[in-house]
Amino acid sequence: MSAKNVDRHNRFRSVTVGFRVSPEEQTELDRAVSLSGLTKQEFCYRRCMERDIVVQGNPKVYKALKTQMAEILSELKRICAGDSVQPELIETIKLITVTMDGLKGEDANGR
């Protein structure tokens, strides 16, 4: 039997909440979750409750950043060939910027 899922106040999480997303939204959500270093459950919970997502640098986060940066480089090379910039690319770059600033110990305003 698996361990009980409890929050930081030792309250048992026994209620399931689910929602539907489009394939594009799923990709965006998965990208944000991987860059946060949190589980999808914890990430969604914190976002729904308007709580801060604090990224703790670890190998999983660095690997996700490296993967996303490689995808961005590929997209930028495609754009140089004359194609247009996709809005998802801009959102991913913004998310990576916030994550990298947080890992450096700065806020989004560079302080």
Protein backbone atom coordinates (compact mmCIF):
# COMPACT_ATOMS: atom_id res chain seq x y z
CA MET A 1 0.00 0.00 0.00
CA SER A 2 1.33 3.45 -0.87
CA ALA A 3 1.91 6.18 1.67
CA LYS A 4 -0.89 8.64 2.35
CA ASN A 5 -0.66 11.92 0.45
CA VAL A 6 -0.61 14.70 3.05
CA ASP A 7 0.06 18.42 2.79
CA ARG A 8 2.62 20.36 4.84
CA HIS A 9 0.11 20.62 7.71
CA ASN A 10 -0.23 16.82 7.78
CA ARG A 11 -3.77 16.96 6.39
CA PHE A 12 -4.73 13.93 4.33
CA ARG A 13 -5.56 14.78 0.73
CA SER A 14 -8.48 12.48 0.04
CA VAL A 15 -10.46 14.47 -2.54
CA THR A 16 -9.75 14.15 -6.27
CA VAL A 17 -10.17 17.18 -8.53
CA GLY A 18 -9.87 16.78 -12.30
CA PHE A 19 -10.27 18.95 -15.35
CA ARG A 20 -9.97 18.69 -19.11
CA VAL A 21 -7.42 20.49 -21.28
CA SER A 22 -6.64 20.60 -24.99
CA PRO A 23 -3.52 18.81 -26.28
CA GLU A 24 -1.84 22.22 -26.68
CA GLU A 25 -2.72 23.20 -23.12
CA GLN A 26 -1.41 19.85 -21.89
CA THR A 27 1.92 20.50 -23.61
CA GLU A 28 2.11 23.96 -22.04
CA LEU A 29 1.18 22.59 -18.62
CA ASP A 30 3.71 19.75 -18.86
CA ARG A 31 6.40 22.25 -19.84
CA ALA A 32 5.64 24.50 -16.86
CA VAL A 33 5.53 21.53 -14.48
CA SER A 34 8.89 20.18 -15.67
CA LEU A 35 10.51 23.61 -15.27
CA SER A 36 9.11 23.97 -11.75
CA GLY A 37 10.57 20.74 -10.40
CA LEU A 38 7.25 20.00 -8.67
CA THR A 39 4.84 17.16 -9.25
CA LYS A 40 1.94 18.01 -11.55
CA GLN A 41 -0.45 17.68 -8.60
CA GLU A 42 1.52 20.10 -6.43
CA PHE A 43 2.05 22.54 -9.31
CA CYS A 44 -1.67 22.63 -10.19
CA TYR A 45 -2.67 22.92 -6.53
CA ARG A 46 -0.35 25.88 -5.95
CA ARG A 47 -1.47 27.66 -9.11
CA CYS A 48 -5.17 27.15 -8.33
CA MET A 49 -4.71 28.44 -4.80
CA GLU A 50 -2.65 31.42 -6.09
CA ARG A 51 0.38 30.33 -4.12
CA ASP A 52 3.94 31.04 -5.22
CA ILE A 53 5.83 28.45 -7.22
CA VAL A 54 9.36 28.46 -5.83
CA VAL A 55 11.78 26.53 -8.02
CA GLN A 56 14.50 24.68 -6.19
CA GLY A 57 17.45 24.00 -8.45
CA ASN A 58 18.08 20.28 -8.84
CA PRO A 59 19.22 17.97 -11.66
CA LYS A 60 15.63 17.44 -12.84
CA VAL A 61 15.06 21.20 -13.23
CA TYR A 62 18.41 21.74 -14.97
CA LYS A 63 17.66 18.92 -17.41
CA ALA A 64 14.23 20.43 -18.16
CA LEU A 65 15.85 23.83 -18.73
CA LYS A 66 18.45 22.31 -21.04
CA THR A 67 15.77 20.48 -23.03
CA GLN A 68 13.61 23.59 -23.36
CA MET A 69 16.59 25.74 -24.38
CA ALA A 70 17.44 23.21 -27.12
CA GLU A 71 13.85 23.39 -28.39
CA ILE A 72 13.97 27.19 -28.34
CA LEU A 73 17.23 27.17 -30.32
CA SER A 74 15.60 24.91 -32.89
CA GLU A 75 12.61 27.26 -33.14
CA LEU A 76 14.85 30.32 -33.46
CA LYS A 77 16.72 28.66 -36.33
CA ARG A 78 13.37 27.97 -38.00
CA ILE A 79 12.32 31.60 -37.52
CA CYS A 80 15.59 32.81 -39.09
CA ALA A 81 14.49 30.95 -42.20
CA GLY A 82 11.55 33.36 -42.50
CA ASP A 83 8.77 31.68 -40.51
CA SER A 84 6.71 33.51 -37.88
CA VAL A 85 7.12 33.36 -34.09
CA GLN A 86 4.57 31.15 -32.34
CA PRO A 87 2.93 32.60 -29.18
CA GLU A 88 3.78 29.38 -27.30
CA LEU A 89 7.49 30.05 -27.92
CA ILE A 90 7.20 33.52 -26.39
CA GLU A 91 5.42 32.09 -23.32
CA THR A 92 8.08 29.38 -22.92
CA ILE A 93 10.86 31.97 -23.11
CA LYS A 94 9.10 34.08 -20.46
CA LEU A 95 8.70 31.03 -18.19
CA ILE A 96 12.36 30.07 -18.60
CA THR A 97 13.42 33.65 -17.88
CA VAL A 98 11.47 33.71 -14.62
CA THR A 99 12.85 30.28 -13.67
CA MET A 100 16.45 31.25 -14.43
CA ASP A 101 16.10 34.53 -12.51
CA GLY A 102 14.72 32.58 -9.55
CA LEU A 103 17.62 30.15 -9.66
CA LYS A 104 20.04 33.09 -9.59
CA GLY A 105 18.22 34.48 -6.55
CA GLU A 106 16.70 37.48 -8.33
CA ASP A 107 13.10 38.49 -8.78
CA ALA A 108 11.53 39.11 -12.17
CA ASN A 109 12.63 42.78 -12.06
CA GLY A 110 16.33 41.88 -11.79
CA ARG A 111 16.71 42.80 -8.11
